[in-house]
Protein backbone atom coordinates (compact mmCIF):
# COMPACT_ATOMS: atom_id res chain seq x y z
CA MET A 1 0.00 0.00 0.00
CA ILE A 2 1.06 3.54 -0.68
CA VAL A 3 -0.70 6.72 0.44
CA VAL A 4 0.21 10.12 -1.00
CA GLN A 5 -1.32 13.33 0.32
CA THR A 6 -2.14 15.60 -2.66
CA ALA A 7 -4.04 18.37 -0.81
CA PRO A 8 -5.01 19.12 2.84
CA ASP A 9 -7.95 16.67 2.76
CA GLU A 10 -7.14 14.64 -0.37
CA PHE A 11 -5.10 11.46 -0.82
CA LEU A 12 -4.15 8.93 -3.48
CA VAL A 13 -4.30 5.40 -2.08
CA ALA A 14 -2.86 2.50 -4.09
CA GLY A 15 -2.69 -1.18 -3.28
CA SER A 16 -4.71 -4.36 -2.99
CA GLY A 17 -6.26 -6.48 -0.26
CA LEU A 18 -6.89 -3.61 2.16
CA THR A 19 -9.63 -2.12 4.26
CA ILE A 20 -8.86 1.38 5.54
CA THR A 21 -10.92 3.31 8.08
CA PRO A 22 -9.91 6.98 8.26
CA SER A 23 -10.21 8.82 11.55
CA LYS A 24 -9.61 12.31 12.80
CA ASP A 25 -6.47 13.38 14.62
CA PRO A 26 -7.28 12.89 18.35
CA HIS A 27 -5.24 16.02 19.19
CA ALA A 28 -7.41 18.21 16.93
CA GLY A 29 -10.34 18.38 19.36
CA GLU A 30 -13.72 16.72 19.27
CA GLY A 31 -15.69 16.09 16.12
CA ILE A 32 -16.26 13.50 13.44
CA ALA A 33 -14.39 12.60 10.27
CA GLY A 34 -15.29 10.58 7.22
CA ILE A 35 -14.96 10.03 3.52
CA ALA A 36 -16.45 12.79 1.35
CA SER A 37 -15.77 11.12 -2.01
CA VAL A 38 -13.84 8.25 -3.60
CA GLU A 39 -12.86 7.92 -7.25
CA GLU A 40 -11.14 4.93 -8.78
CA GLY A 41 -8.82 5.75 -11.64
CA SER A 42 -5.29 6.34 -12.83
CA ARG A 43 -2.79 9.08 -13.54
CA ALA A 44 -1.55 9.57 -17.07
CA GLY A 45 0.59 12.49 -18.20
CA GLY A 46 0.27 14.12 -14.77
CA GLU A 47 -3.54 14.22 -14.95
CA TRP A 48 -6.02 12.18 -12.91
CA LYS A 49 -8.43 10.11 -15.03
CA THR A 50 -11.52 8.82 -13.19
CA SER A 51 -12.79 5.42 -14.31
CA ARG A 52 -15.62 5.23 -11.74
CA VAL A 53 -17.00 7.09 -8.73
CA LEU A 54 -17.70 4.96 -5.67
CA ASN A 55 -20.91 5.52 -3.73
CA GLY A 56 -22.03 4.89 -0.16
CA ASP A 57 -22.60 1.17 -0.75
CA GLN A 58 -18.95 0.79 -1.74
CA THR A 59 -17.55 2.92 1.11
CA ASN A 60 -19.73 1.68 3.98
CA GLN A 61 -21.57 5.02 3.96
CA GLY A 62 -18.33 7.00 3.98
CA ARG A 63 -16.60 5.05 6.75
CA ASP A 64 -14.23 2.62 4.97
CA LEU A 65 -12.10 2.19 1.86
CA PHE A 66 -11.98 -1.28 0.35
CA LEU A 67 -9.24 -2.31 -2.08
CA PRO A 68 -9.98 -5.80 -3.46
CA ALA A 69 -7.47 -8.60 -2.81
CA ARG A 70 -7.21 -9.78 -6.40
CA ALA A 71 -6.81 -6.44 -8.15
CA PHE A 72 -4.49 -3.45 -7.80
CA SER A 73 -6.49 -0.21 -7.36
CA ILE A 74 -5.70 3.48 -7.21
CA LEU A 75 -8.24 5.62 -5.36
CA ARG A 76 -8.47 9.40 -5.02
CA VAL A 77 -10.03 10.01 -1.61
CA LYS A 78 -11.37 13.27 -0.22
CA LEU A 79 -12.04 13.44 3.53
CA TYR A 80 -14.05 15.77 5.72
CA THR A 81 -14.05 16.79 9.39
CA ILE A 82 -17.00 18.30 11.25
CA PRO A 83 -16.21 19.84 14.65
CA ARG A 84 -18.61 19.26 17.53
CA ARG A 85 -20.12 22.31 19.14
């Protein structure tokens, strides 16, 4: 697995046979974090090319990333954090 941060709340995740559950930094105060969007695709010539957009059924309603065991996948993942009041 390889994870590359491409923006403050955006990552490229590549690998196979993984389940990833993102969480918020415990030192950042109270709140919740989750997956805002996931795109499967590739990079060619420095540009991201989306082959499909994953929905809530494929991300456990924005809680988990699943990379199948028998296939190599590259995902572009955007996260969110909502502070508690």
